[in-house]
Protein backbone atom coordinates (compact mmCIF):
# COMPACT_ATOMS: atom_id res chain seq x y z
CA UNK A 1 0.00 0.00 0.00
CA UNK A 2 1.04 3.62 -0.46
CA UNK A 3 2.40 5.69 2.40
CA UNK A 4 -0.78 7.72 2.86
CA UNK A 5 -2.85 4.56 3.16
CA UNK A 6 -0.41 3.01 5.61
CA UNK A 7 -0.66 6.01 7.93
CA UNK A 8 -4.46 5.86 7.96
CA UNK A 9 -4.56 2.09 8.46
CA UNK A 10 -2.16 2.30 11.42
CA UNK A 11 -4.10 5.21 12.95
CA UNK A 12 -7.33 3.24 12.61
CA UNK A 13 -5.72 0.35 14.51
CA UNK A 14 -5.08 2.85 17.31
CA UNK A 15 -8.76 3.82 17.42
CA UNK A 16 -8.42 7.21 15.71
CA UNK A 17 -11.80 8.42 14.41
CA UNK A 18 -11.20 11.97 13.11
CA UNK A 19 -8.61 13.90 11.14
CA UNK A 20 -8.52 17.68 11.58
CA UNK A 21 -6.69 19.75 8.99
CA UNK A 22 -6.54 22.21 6.12
CA UNK A 23 -6.16 21.20 2.49
CA UNK A 24 -3.37 22.26 0.15
CA UNK A 25 -0.23 21.27 -1.72
CA UNK A 26 1.78 18.50 -0.01
CA UNK A 27 -1.03 17.35 2.35
CA UNK A 28 -3.41 16.77 -0.59
CA UNK A 29 -2.50 13.06 -1.08
CA UNK A 30 -3.60 12.34 2.50
CA UNK A 31 -6.95 14.11 2.00
CA UNK A 32 -7.37 12.17 -1.24
CA UNK A 33 -6.81 8.88 0.58
CA UNK A 34 -9.27 9.88 3.30
CA UNK A 35 -12.02 9.99 0.66
CA UNK A 36 -11.85 6.19 0.48
CA UNK A 37 -11.27 5.61 4.20
CA UNK A 38 -14.59 5.92 6.08
CA UNK A 39 -13.10 4.70 9.39
CA UNK A 40 -11.56 8.16 9.87
CA UNK A 41 -13.79 11.17 9.21
CA UNK A 42 -12.33 14.39 7.82
CA UNK A 43 -12.91 17.72 9.57
CA UNK A 44 -11.80 20.63 7.36
CA UNK A 45 -10.74 23.25 9.90
CA UNK A 46 -10.62 26.93 9.02
CA UNK A 47 -7.08 27.40 10.32
CA UNK A 48 -4.29 24.94 11.04
CA UNK A 49 -3.86 26.14 14.63
CA UNK A 50 -7.57 25.49 15.10
CA UNK A 51 -7.04 21.96 13.72
CA UNK A 52 -4.37 21.30 16.37
CA UNK A 53 -6.66 22.58 19.13
CA UNK A 54 -9.61 20.52 17.85
CA UNK A 55 -7.45 17.40 17.82
CA UNK A 56 -6.41 18.28 21.37
CA UNK A 57 -10.03 18.53 22.51
CA UNK A 58 -10.89 15.18 20.96
CA UNK A 59 -7.93 13.49 22.69
CA UNK A 60 -8.66 15.25 26.00
CA UNK A 61 -12.14 13.75 26.21
CA UNK A 62 -11.73 10.42 24.39
CA UNK A 63 -8.29 9.40 25.63
CA UNK A 64 -7.44 8.46 22.03
CA UNK A 65 -4.72 10.42 20.25
CA UNK A 66 -5.88 13.45 18.31
CA UNK A 67 -4.90 13.45 14.62
CA UNK A 68 -4.27 16.64 12.64
CA UNK A 69 -2.26 17.82 9.66
CA UNK A 70 -1.25 20.64 7.36
CA UNK A 71 0.63 21.45 4.21
CA UNK A 72 4.22 22.67 4.14
CA UNK A 73 5.42 26.17 4.95
CA UNK A 74 2.80 28.45 6.53
CA UNK A 75 0.40 25.54 7.02
CA UNK A 76 2.75 23.45 9.13
CA UNK A 77 4.02 26.53 10.98
CA UNK A 78 0.41 27.33 11.93
CA UNK A 79 -0.17 23.72 12.97
CA UNK A 80 2.94 23.71 15.17
CA UNK A 81 1.74 26.90 16.85
CA UNK A 82 -1.20 24.90 18.21
CA UNK A 83 0.90 22.12 19.74
CA UNK A 84 2.02 24.07 22.79
CA UNK A 85 -1.35 23.37 24.44
CA UNK A 86 -1.18 19.54 24.28
CA UNK A 87 2.54 19.80 25.12
CA UNK A 88 1.92 21.80 28.28
CA UNK A 89 -1.25 19.91 29.25
CA UNK A 90 0.00 16.36 28.52
CA UNK A 91 -2.42 15.43 25.72
CA UNK A 92 -1.48 12.87 23.01
CA UNK A 93 -1.75 14.45 19.55
CA UNK A 94 -0.28 13.10 16.30
CA UNK A 95 0.48 16.16 14.18
CA UNK A 96 1.38 15.58 10.54
CA UNK A 97 3.34 18.27 8.76
CA UNK A 98 4.40 17.85 5.17
CA UNK A 99 7.41 18.75 3.06
CA UNK A 100 8.90 18.71 -0.41
CA UNK A 101 10.59 15.52 -1.59
CA UNK A 102 14.32 15.47 -0.67
CA UNK A 103 15.29 15.94 -4.31
CA UNK A 104 13.87 19.48 -4.11
CA UNK A 105 15.66 20.55 -0.93
CA UNK A 106 18.80 21.88 -2.59
CA UNK A 107 16.87 24.39 -4.71
CA UNK A 108 14.90 27.53 -3.87
CA UNK A 109 11.33 26.19 -3.77
CA UNK A 110 8.18 28.04 -2.82
CA UNK A 111 7.45 27.53 0.92
CA UNK A 112 10.81 25.77 1.43
CA UNK A 113 10.67 24.19 4.89
CA UNK A 114 13.38 21.52 5.03
CA UNK A 115 15.99 23.67 6.76
CA UNK A 116 18.45 23.21 3.89
CA UNK A 117 18.26 26.55 2.12
CA UNK A 118 19.66 29.85 3.38
CA UNK A 119 16.13 31.19 3.93
CA UNK A 120 14.29 27.91 4.38
CA UNK A 121 12.15 27.47 7.46
CA UNK A 122 12.60 24.21 9.36
CA UNK A 123 9.41 22.56 10.56
CA UNK A 124 11.08 19.93 12.68
CA UNK A 125 13.31 22.32 14.57
CA UNK A 126 10.28 24.47 15.42
CA UNK A 127 8.25 21.44 16.51
CA UNK A 128 10.94 19.98 18.76
CA UNK A 129 10.28 22.61 21.39
CA UNK A 130 6.57 21.76 21.75
CA UNK A 131 6.52 17.99 21.24
CA UNK A 132 7.89 14.82 22.80
CA UNK A 133 9.42 13.88 19.44
CA UNK A 134 9.67 15.52 16.01
CA UNK A 135 11.21 13.99 12.89
CA UNK A 136 11.29 14.28 9.12
CA UNK A 137 10.31 11.18 7.14
CA UNK A 138 12.14 11.51 3.77
CA UNK A 139 11.70 7.93 2.46
CA UNK A 140 8.83 5.42 2.69
CA UNK A 141 10.94 2.73 4.38
CA UNK A 142 11.06 4.89 7.53
CA UNK A 143 7.32 5.54 7.73
CA UNK A 144 6.15 2.34 9.51
CA UNK A 145 8.60 2.65 12.40
CA UNK A 146 8.08 6.44 12.57
CA UNK A 147 4.31 6.03 13.00
CA UNK A 148 4.67 3.22 15.53
CA UNK A 149 7.29 5.17 17.45
CA UNK A 150 5.02 8.22 17.43
CA UNK A 151 2.24 6.31 19.20
CA UNK A 152 4.74 4.65 21.54
CA UNK A 153 6.12 8.03 22.60
CA UNK A 154 2.74 9.80 22.79
CA UNK A 155 1.25 7.27 25.19
CA UNK A 156 4.29 6.27 27.28
CA UNK A 157 5.00 8.07 30.55
CA UNK A 158 3.67 11.61 30.58
CA UNK A 159 1.50 11.86 27.43
CA UNK A 160 2.12 14.53 24.85
CA UNK A 161 2.14 15.45 21.15
CA UNK A 162 4.42 14.13 18.41
CA UNK A 163 5.16 15.79 15.07
CA UNK A 164 5.97 13.88 11.85
CA UNK A 165 7.13 15.88 8.83
CA UNK A 166 6.25 13.58 5.93
CA UNK A 167 7.74 14.32 2.53
CA UNK A 168 5.50 14.37 -0.54
CA UNK A 169 7.14 11.34 -2.15
CA UNK A 170 6.41 9.18 0.93
CA UNK A 171 2.65 9.59 0.47
CA UNK A 172 2.80 8.18 -3.04
CA UNK A 173 5.39 5.41 -2.83
CA UNK A 174 4.81 1.85 -1.70
CA UNK A 175 5.29 0.79 1.94
CA UNK A 176 6.18 -2.87 2.28
CA UNK A 177 5.58 -3.49 5.99
CA UNK A 178 2.24 -4.66 7.39
CA UNK A 179 0.00 -2.72 9.75
CA UNK A 180 0.33 -3.99 13.32
CA UNK A 181 -2.02 -3.91 16.32
CA UNK A 182 -0.81 -1.58 19.13
CA UNK A 183 0.11 -4.40 21.53
CA UNK A 184 2.74 -5.56 19.02
CA UNK A 185 4.83 -2.39 19.15
CA UNK A 186 4.13 -0.37 22.30
CA UNK A 187 3.38 -0.99 25.97
CA UNK A 188 -0.34 -0.98 26.72
CA UNK A 189 -0.04 -1.33 30.49
CA UNK A 190 0.03 1.46 33.09
CA UNK A 191 2.84 2.25 35.53
CA UNK A 192 2.34 1.24 39.18
CA UNK A 193 4.25 2.82 42.02
CA UNK A 194 6.98 1.19 44.08
CA UNK A 195 5.04 -1.07 46.52
CA UNK A 196 7.42 -0.28 49.40
CA UNK A 197 6.91 3.46 48.98
CA UNK A 198 3.15 3.05 48.60
CA UNK A 199 3.10 1.10 51.87
CA UNK A 200 5.01 3.86 53.65
CA UNK A 201 2.70 6.51 52.21
CA UNK A 202 -0.42 4.64 53.33
CA UNK A 203 0.96 4.32 56.86
CA UNK A 204 1.81 8.00 56.99
CA UNK A 205 -1.69 8.98 55.87
CA UNK A 206 -3.42 6.69 58.37
CA UNK A 207 -1.32 7.99 61.26
CA UNK A 208 -1.88 11.65 60.31
CA UNK A 209 -4.12 13.80 62.51
CA UNK A 210 -5.00 16.22 59.70
CA UNK A 211 -4.24 14.65 56.31
CA UNK A 212 -5.32 16.34 53.08
CA UNK A 213 -5.17 15.57 49.38
CA UNK A 214 -4.27 17.96 46.56
CA UNK A 215 -5.28 16.66 43.13
CA UNK A 216 -3.84 18.04 39.90
CA UNK A 217 -4.42 17.55 36.22
CA UNK A 218 -2.69 14.18 36.34
CA UNK A 219 -5.71 12.73 38.15
CA UNK A 220 -7.98 13.83 35.31
CA UNK A 221 -5.52 12.64 32.65
CA UNK A 222 -5.46 9.17 34.26
CA UNK A 223 -9.28 9.07 34.66
CA UNK A 224 -8.72 8.45 38.35
CA UNK A 225 -11.65 10.45 39.74
CA UNK A 226 -13.37 7.40 41.23
CA UNK A 227 -10.21 6.20 42.97
CA UNK A 228 -9.59 9.66 44.41
CA UNK A 229 -13.10 9.74 45.87
CA UNK A 230 -12.73 6.28 47.43
CA UNK A 231 -9.37 7.11 49.04
CA UNK A 232 -10.59 10.46 50.39
CA UNK A 233 -13.61 8.83 52.01
CA UNK A 234 -11.52 5.98 53.45
CA UNK A 235 -9.17 8.45 55.10
CA UNK A 236 -11.68 11.20 55.83
CA UNK A 237 -9.18 13.50 54.13
CA UNK A 238 -10.37 16.82 52.69
CA UNK A 239 -9.56 17.29 49.01
CA UNK A 240 -8.46 20.44 47.20
CA UNK A 241 -7.63 20.64 43.51
CA UNK A 242 -5.45 22.79 41.35
CA UNK A 243 -7.15 24.57 38.46
CA UNK A 244 -5.97 21.80 36.11
CA UNK A 245 -7.27 19.29 38.64
CA UNK A 246 -10.73 20.87 38.88
CA UNK A 247 -13.18 18.15 37.95
CA UNK A 248 -11.24 15.37 39.65
CA UNK A 249 -13.35 15.62 42.83
CA UNK A 250 -17.01 16.67 43.18
CA UNK A 251 -17.07 20.15 44.68
CA UNK A 252 -20.35 19.54 46.47
CA UNK A 253 -18.88 16.64 48.48
CA UNK A 254 -18.53 17.20 52.26
CA UNK A 255 -14.75 16.72 51.98
CA UNK A 256 -14.35 19.11 49.01
CA UNK A 257 -12.29 22.25 49.61
CA UNK A 258 -12.51 23.61 46.05
CA UNK A 259 -9.56 25.00 44.09
CA UNK A 260 -6.38 26.10 45.77
CA UNK A 261 -4.43 29.19 44.74
CA UNK A 262 -4.79 32.86 43.94
CA UNK A 263 -8.05 32.40 42.04
CA UNK A 264 -9.29 29.53 44.18
CA UNK A 265 -11.29 29.09 47.35
CA UNK A 266 -10.31 30.36 50.77
CA UNK A 267 -11.38 26.99 52.21
CA UNK A 268 -8.55 25.27 50.30
CA UNK A 269 -6.01 28.04 50.87
CA UNK A 270 -6.60 28.14 54.61
CA UNK A 271 -6.35 24.37 55.15
CA UNK A 272 -3.37 23.54 52.91
CA UNK A 273 -0.85 25.17 55.21
CA UNK A 274 1.94 23.88 57.36
CA UNK A 275 0.69 23.65 60.91
CA UNK A 276 -2.86 22.93 59.75
CA UNK A 277 -2.19 19.96 57.49
CA UNK A 278 0.32 17.45 58.85
CA UNK A 279 0.45 15.16 55.78
CA UNK A 280 -0.36 16.30 52.24
CA UNK A 281 -0.81 13.78 49.43
CA UNK A 282 -0.17 15.66 46.16
CA UNK A 283 -1.11 13.75 43.01
CA UNK A 284 -0.36 14.75 39.42
CA UNK A 285 0.52 18.43 39.77
CA UNK A 286 3.42 20.81 39.18
CA UNK A 287 3.02 23.13 42.22
CA UNK A 288 2.55 26.11 39.90
CA UNK A 289 3.04 29.73 40.88
CA UNK A 290 -0.71 30.38 40.86
CA UNK A 291 -1.56 27.30 42.96
CA UNK A 292 1.07 27.93 45.62
CA UNK A 293 0.93 31.72 45.80
CA UNK A 294 4.39 32.21 44.31
CA UNK A 295 5.72 29.10 46.09
CA UNK A 296 4.79 30.24 49.57
CA UNK A 297 7.03 28.58 52.16
CA UNK A 298 4.10 27.52 54.34
CA UNK A 299 2.09 26.04 51.48
CA UNK A 300 1.12 22.38 51.67
CA UNK A 301 1.67 20.33 54.79
CA UNK A 302 4.23 19.43 57.43
CA UNK A 303 5.01 16.28 55.43
CA UNK A 304 4.61 15.83 51.68
CA UNK A 305 3.85 12.71 49.66
CA UNK A 306 4.15 13.45 45.94
CA UNK A 307 2.86 11.17 43.17
CA UNK A 308 3.56 11.87 39.51
CA UNK A 309 3.99 9.99 36.23
CA UNK A 310 6.97 12.25 35.45
CA UNK A 311 9.98 11.59 37.70
CA UNK A 312 11.39 15.05 36.98
CA UNK A 313 8.43 16.62 38.82
CA UNK A 314 9.13 14.77 42.07
CA UNK A 315 10.63 17.16 44.62
CA UNK A 316 11.01 19.93 42.02
CA UNK A 317 9.14 22.65 43.90
CA UNK A 318 9.06 21.48 47.54
CA UNK A 319 11.12 18.97 49.55
CA UNK A 320 9.32 15.62 49.78
CA UNK A 321 9.07 12.94 52.43
CA UNK A 322 7.91 10.24 49.98
CA UNK A 323 8.05 10.45 46.18
CA UNK A 324 6.20 7.88 44.07
CA UNK A 325 6.55 7.67 40.29
CA UNK A 326 3.50 6.15 38.63
CA UNK A 327 0.17 6.57 36.92
CA UNK A 328 -2.27 8.41 39.21
CA UNK A 329 -5.03 5.83 38.79
CA UNK A 330 -2.71 2.91 39.51
CA UNK A 331 -1.06 4.50 42.53
CA UNK A 332 -4.38 5.60 44.01
CA UNK A 333 -5.69 2.06 43.69
CA UNK A 334 -2.54 0.77 45.40
CA UNK A 335 -3.07 3.26 48.23
CA UNK A 336 -6.72 2.22 48.55
CA UNK A 337 -5.72 -1.44 48.88
CA UNK A 338 -3.03 -0.64 51.45
CA UNK A 339 -5.25 1.65 53.52
CA UNK A 340 -8.09 -0.91 53.52
CA UNK A 341 -5.75 -3.64 54.75
CA UNK A 342 -4.41 -1.43 57.50
CA UNK A 343 -7.89 -0.35 58.61
CA UNK A 344 -9.10 -3.97 58.63
CA UNK A 345 -6.12 -4.90 60.82
CA UNK A 346 -6.77 -2.18 63.42
CA UNK A 347 -7.70 -3.27 66.96
CA UNK A 348 -11.24 -2.13 67.94
CA UNK A 349 -10.06 0.76 70.11
CA UNK A 350 -7.72 2.10 67.41
CA UNK A 351 -10.46 1.75 64.78
CA UNK A 352 -12.85 3.72 66.97
CA UNK A 353 -10.25 6.48 67.38
CA UNK A 354 -9.60 6.50 63.64
CA UNK A 355 -13.30 6.81 62.77
CA UNK A 356 -13.85 9.47 65.43
CA UNK A 357 -11.01 11.54 63.97
CA UNK A 358 -12.51 11.17 60.47
CA UNK A 359 -15.89 12.41 61.67
CA UNK A 360 -14.30 15.35 63.44
CA UNK A 361 -12.39 16.35 60.27
CA UNK A 362 -15.59 16.27 58.21
CA UNK A 363 -17.38 18.44 60.78
CA UNK A 364 -14.51 20.93 60.72
CA UNK A 365 -14.53 21.12 56.92
CA UNK A 366 -18.29 21.69 56.81
CA UNK A 367 -18.04 24.37 59.49
CA UNK A 368 -15.24 26.15 57.63
CA UNK A 369 -17.16 26.07 54.35
CA UNK A 370 -20.21 27.50 56.05
CA UNK A 371 -18.17 30.33 57.61
CA UNK A 372 -16.49 31.19 54.31
CA UNK A 373 -19.70 30.90 52.24
CA UNK A 374 -18.24 28.21 50.00
CA UNK A 375 -20.08 28.54 46.66
CA UNK A 376 -22.60 30.79 48.44
CA UNK A 377 -21.07 34.25 48.10
CA UNK A 378 -23.52 37.15 47.88
CA UNK A 379 -22.54 38.08 44.32
CA UNK A 380 -23.75 34.65 43.12
CA UNK A 381 -27.30 35.74 44.00
CA UNK A 382 -27.06 39.33 42.74
CA UNK A 383 -29.79 40.66 40.43
CA UNK A 384 -27.58 43.57 39.38
CA UNK A 385 -27.33 44.79 35.80
CA UNK A 386 -24.83 44.50 34.19
CA UNK A 387 -24.74 40.87 35.27
CA UNK A 388 -22.27 39.82 37.93
CA UNK A 389 -20.08 37.08 36.44
CA UNK A 390 -20.49 35.09 39.68
CA UNK A 391 -24.26 35.00 39.09
CA UNK A 392 -23.77 34.02 35.44
CA UNK A 393 -21.73 30.95 36.49
CA UNK A 394 -24.31 30.00 39.11
CA UNK A 395 -27.08 30.13 36.50
CA UNK A 396 -25.00 28.03 34.11
CA UNK A 397 -24.35 25.40 36.78
CA UNK A 398 -28.02 25.16 37.71
CA UNK A 399 -29.06 24.68 34.07
CA UNK A 400 -26.50 22.09 32.97
CA UNK A 401 -26.68 18.37 33.56
CA UNK A 402 -24.23 16.90 36.07
CA UNK A 403 -22.20 15.16 33.35
CA UNK A 404 -21.75 18.28 31.21
CA UNK A 405 -18.33 19.05 29.76
CA UNK A 406 -17.36 22.62 30.65
CA UNK A 407 -14.37 24.44 29.23
CA UNK A 408 -12.93 27.83 29.95
CA UNK A 409 -10.27 29.97 28.33
CA UNK A 410 -7.71 32.37 29.82
CA UNK A 411 -8.07 35.69 31.58
CA UNK A 412 -10.85 36.71 33.93
CA UNK A 413 -13.31 34.17 32.52
CA UNK A 414 -10.96 31.39 33.64
CA UNK A 415 -10.79 32.71 37.21
CA UNK A 416 -14.55 33.27 37.39
CA UNK A 417 -15.16 29.71 36.24
CA UNK A 418 -12.55 28.32 38.62
CA UNK A 419 -14.19 29.90 41.62
CA UNK A 420 -17.90 29.99 40.84
CA UNK A 421 -18.78 27.04 38.60
CA UNK A 422 -19.27 24.14 40.98
CA UNK A 423 -18.14 20.85 39.48
CA UNK A 424 -20.33 17.82 40.20
CA UNK A 425 -19.64 14.10 40.00
CA UNK A 426 -19.63 12.77 36.44
CA UNK A 427 -18.78 16.06 34.78
CA UNK A 428 -15.58 17.01 32.98
CA UNK A 429 -13.70 20.30 33.23
CA UNK A 430 -11.19 21.38 30.58
CA UNK A 431 -8.79 24.31 30.85
CA UNK A 432 -5.36 25.13 29.47
CA UNK A 433 -4.15 26.44 32.80
CA UNK A 434 -0.50 25.61 32.07
CA UNK A 435 -0.02 27.81 29.00
CA UNK A 436 -3.28 29.83 28.94
CA UNK A 437 -3.42 30.08 25.15
CA UNK A 438 -5.97 32.79 24.47
CA UNK A 439 -8.86 31.50 22.35
CA UNK A 440 -7.82 27.85 22.40
CA UNK A 441 -10.95 26.66 24.19
CA UNK A 442 -13.21 27.76 21.32
CA UNK A 443 -11.66 25.10 19.08
CA UNK A 444 -10.88 22.56 21.82
CA UNK A 445 -14.62 22.48 22.54
CA UNK A 446 -15.31 21.30 18.98
CA UNK A 447 -13.05 18.28 19.40
CA UNK A 448 -14.52 17.62 22.84
CA UNK A 449 -18.06 17.49 21.45
CA UNK A 450 -17.01 15.04 18.72
CA UNK A 451 -15.57 12.79 21.41
CA UNK A 452 -18.75 12.98 23.55
CA UNK A 453 -21.67 13.70 21.19
CA UNK A 454 -24.38 12.92 23.76
CA UNK A 455 -23.05 15.24 26.47
CA UNK A 456 -23.60 18.98 26.81
CA UNK A 457 -20.44 20.92 25.90
CA UNK A 458 -20.17 24.57 26.98
CA UNK A 459 -17.17 26.85 26.62
CA UNK A 460 -17.02 29.77 29.07
CA UNK A 461 -14.91 32.23 27.12
CA UNK A 462 -14.12 35.94 27.15
CA UNK A 463 -15.12 38.26 24.34
CA UNK A 464 -11.49 38.99 23.43
CA UNK A 465 -10.51 35.31 23.46
CA UNK A 466 -13.49 34.51 21.23
CA UNK A 467 -12.07 36.83 18.57
CA UNK A 468 -8.81 34.87 18.46
CA UNK A 469 -10.28 31.66 16.99
CA UNK A 470 -13.79 32.74 15.98
CA UNK A 471 -13.24 31.42 12.43
CA UNK A 472 -13.57 27.90 13.87
CA UNK A 473 -17.23 28.57 14.61
CA UNK A 474 -17.71 27.95 10.87
CA UNK A 475 -16.02 24.56 11.30
CA UNK A 476 -18.61 23.64 13.92
CA UNK A 477 -21.38 24.98 11.72
CA UNK A 478 -20.18 23.04 8.67
CA UNK A 479 -20.40 19.70 10.47
CA UNK A 480 -23.31 20.55 12.83
CA UNK A 481 -21.25 20.16 15.99
CA UNK A 482 -23.52 21.76 18.63
CA UNK A 483 -21.08 23.42 21.01
CA UNK A 484 -22.35 26.34 23.12
CA UNK A 485 -19.99 29.29 23.55
CA UNK A 486 -20.96 31.19 26.71
CA UNK A 487 -19.23 34.57 26.31
CA UNK A 488 -18.57 36.60 29.46
CA UNK A 489 -18.58 39.93 27.65
CA UNK A 490 -17.00 42.94 29.35
CA UNK A 491 -16.15 44.71 26.06
CA UNK A 492 -12.45 44.83 26.94
CA UNK A 493 -9.35 42.81 27.70
CA UNK A 494 -10.68 42.32 31.21
CA UNK A 495 -7.76 40.88 33.13
CA UNK A 496 -5.28 43.29 31.55
CA UNK A 497 -7.57 46.28 32.07
CA UNK A 498 -7.76 45.39 35.76
CA UNK A 499 -4.21 44.48 36.75
CA UNK A 500 -2.17 46.45 34.21
CA UNK A 501 -4.52 49.36 33.60
CA UNK A 502 -6.43 50.09 36.78
CA UNK A 503 -3.82 48.74 39.21
CA UNK A 504 -0.61 49.74 37.41
CA UNK A 505 0.58 46.13 37.48
CA UNK A 506 1.09 46.23 41.20
CA UNK A 507 3.06 49.48 41.27
CA UNK A 508 5.20 49.21 38.14
CA UNK A 509 3.51 52.43 37.01
CA UNK A 510 0.76 54.75 38.19
CA UNK A 511 -2.77 53.30 38.34
CA UNK A 512 -5.55 54.00 35.85
CA UNK A 513 -3.41 53.98 32.73
CA UNK A 514 -5.52 52.04 30.21
CA UNK A 515 -3.21 51.27 27.32
CA UNK A 516 -5.08 49.45 24.52
CA UNK A 517 -7.44 47.54 26.82
CA UNK A 518 -10.87 48.51 25.44
CA UNK A 519 -12.31 46.62 22.47
CA UNK A 520 -14.50 47.62 19.55
CA UNK A 521 -16.28 44.28 19.57
CA UNK A 522 -18.31 42.67 16.85
CA UNK A 523 -22.02 42.10 17.25
CA UNK A 524 -21.84 38.47 18.38
CA UNK A 525 -25.45 37.73 17.49
CA UNK A 526 -24.99 38.99 13.92
CA UNK A 527 -21.74 37.04 13.73
CA UNK A 528 -23.64 33.90 14.77
CA UNK A 529 -26.19 34.53 12.00
CA UNK A 530 -23.39 34.99 9.45
CA UNK A 531 -21.89 31.64 10.53
CA UNK A 532 -25.27 29.83 10.32
CA UNK A 533 -25.39 29.20 14.09
CA UNK A 534 -27.76 30.20 16.88
CA UNK A 535 -27.02 33.49 18.64
CA UNK A 536 -28.58 35.40 21.53
CA UNK A 537 -27.65 38.34 23.74
CA UNK A 538 -28.32 38.30 27.49
CA UNK A 539 -28.33 41.45 29.63
CA UNK A 540 -30.21 40.35 32.76
CA UNK A 541 -29.43 37.41 35.06
CA UNK A 542 -32.97 36.06 34.86
CA UNK A 543 -32.58 35.61 31.09
CA UNK A 544 -29.60 33.23 31.24
CA UNK A 545 -31.34 29.88 31.69
CA UNK A 546 -33.88 30.61 28.97
CA UNK A 547 -31.03 31.55 26.60
CA UNK A 548 -29.27 28.30 27.42
CA UNK A 549 -32.46 26.34 26.74
CA UNK A 550 -32.91 28.02 23.39
CA UNK A 551 -29.27 27.37 22.51
CA UNK A 552 -29.43 23.65 23.25
CA UNK A 553 -32.88 23.24 21.72
CA UNK A 554 -31.64 24.76 18.46
CA UNK A 555 -29.53 21.68 17.73
CA UNK A 556 -26.91 24.00 16.27
CA UNK A 557 -23.64 25.45 17.50
CA UNK A 558 -24.65 28.44 19.59
CA UNK A 559 -23.24 31.74 20.85
CA UNK A 560 -24.63 33.31 24.04
CA UNK A 561 -23.36 36.86 24.58
CA UNK A 562 -23.63 37.53 28.33
CA UNK A 563 -23.05 41.20 29.17
CA UNK A 564 -21.21 41.30 32.50
CA UNK A 565 -20.07 43.99 34.92
CA UNK A 566 -16.66 45.06 33.62
CA UNK A 567 -15.70 46.59 36.97
CA UNK A 568 -16.14 43.36 38.94
CA UNK A 569 -12.68 42.05 39.84
CA UNK A 570 -11.64 38.44 40.37
CA UNK A 571 -10.38 36.91 43.60
CA UNK A 572 -6.87 36.63 42.21
CA UNK A 573 -6.74 40.34 41.34
CA UNK A 574 -8.08 41.37 44.74
CA UNK A 575 -5.68 39.09 46.62
CA UNK A 576 -2.61 39.91 44.59
CA UNK A 577 -2.98 43.69 44.61
CA UNK A 578 -4.26 44.47 48.10
CA UNK A 579 -1.33 46.82 48.64
CA UNK A 580 -2.41 48.98 45.70
CA UNK A 581 -5.95 49.39 47.04
CA UNK A 582 -4.47 50.35 50.41
CA UNK A 583 -2.19 52.92 48.79
CA UNK A 584 -4.92 54.51 46.64
CA UNK A 585 -8.18 54.90 48.62
CA UNK A 586 -11.27 54.93 46.41
CA UNK A 587 -9.51 53.23 43.49
CA UNK A 588 -11.49 50.03 43.74
CA UNK A 589 -14.83 51.85 43.50
CA UNK A 590 -13.92 54.01 40.49
CA UNK A 591 -15.31 52.82 37.16
CA UNK A 592 -13.11 51.90 34.20
CA UNK A 593 -13.74 54.51 31.47
CA UNK A 594 -14.95 53.43 28.04
CA UNK A 595 -13.03 54.42 24.94
CA UNK A 596 -14.98 55.92 22.04
CA UNK A 597 -15.01 53.80 18.87
CA UNK A 598 -14.26 53.80 16.04
CA UNK A 599 -10.91 55.51 16.43
CA UNK A 600 -10.25 57.78 13.42
CA UNK A 601 -6.53 57.26 13.52
CA UNK A 602 -5.75 58.67 10.08
CA UNK A 603 -7.28 62.02 11.06
CA UNK A 604 -4.68 62.23 13.83
CA UNK A 605 -1.76 61.94 11.38
């Protein structure tokens, strides 16, 4: 079979169902082969970066590698620009770039991308910085091992994207090797932790007076939500999550503390402190600057047990007492087994003490959440106009089914969603909190919906972020992929207007200097009409649920433009810049001025 056919056959063996890409030049033979390959459906994206994000969303939800591709030159460069999200967030994506045949490399070709010429771009060198492996495939004999190695690398250890730069001649020439099932060329098992270390960790957790668990994105990546819940209930240990870990533990559970960090919940921040938590079990997280409050020295617990699939993360940010390398799901199950054995072996008096301590911890958590109005803050019930973003997220939560897939983007909308959208058991939360690529969620949501067609998929996105990838709305429209984009619209670059404009970036310059923060936005409802999707504008909190019902009932992709209070500031902004409010009395209450549009810039010349 030809090279193009071999690639599709091998991808089908791996369970790949969709290919996301843009037609043109050296990728055309693959599109041509897809015409006769119904096992993998073609999604013609409107931009190659969007294709990479859509493949990421599909892999994020399905667990099967995303598959995307582009032509040489600008096409592959655009595709590579979308790989930083799966790279940072540990998502397996097979990205196919294309190139001229090697016989053309020595000359000055249009869109030269082999790295040979004096002004040639070099796809592979670009891709190496955002992938686990990147390689050019110049001859067909290398293709079978390259594809098998790509899947081996994507799925082994910490998942991530791979980039193959396939030359035009490889598509068309014969490949002699046969297509193999995955178990013939890559490990299909998961990595368990060292049993001795797991035993020590279980003993430490059982003996702790105030244990706690901090769950990161690695728990979600491993689909270990059920195991996390079982272990927490066995130990009576309260659970906080990072932003990437949101969704790994139901936030309405008695032991839930919510998200930790600058944009998170005070319940989590107050309990995950040395002196209050004596043993912290941290699973699948990087101890980021936002989660730890710039690596606060008292963050965490008196003793730290860290579990991660990536050995280079162990002990990177904080000294550890026990470090376990392994898949989060496997290690959690090992801990469950160990803890159960140890509890079953307890003498009656010790068991009574253990259970009494568990009950006391649960009472203390519930009391703390009541005092701090956990998911019950006054703004969540406000009838104010413009709409308080806290109220908008409460309305969204009340409307959606428990198993809904909710995404958010970067900026203020991310922090609002982190703090005020309460995750329930069975749902899925998706956020690029590691790289915060503005606009990525718009396209990621499309791939997510393809992976879970029967579940509600809503993207909570800012108006500015929506602009970044809005062309992909047409992709959703073309294939009738009914994603709902829930725009928190403040008519500006909200986060930047707050911290850099109003607050002078914490004292780097004087406050209230608004440099290019206002936006002359499109009419989102008219844009929806132009893209053949449903659109509606919401200006009062009582209108939100009806707008959501209309959006879902339409059966189309949908845009809901929610006009929010642009002066409402997030928790992270208020916490981080308290010193500025103290220095400038009255600053917090002053409104952000609106710029007049359109700007007649040529008249100023």
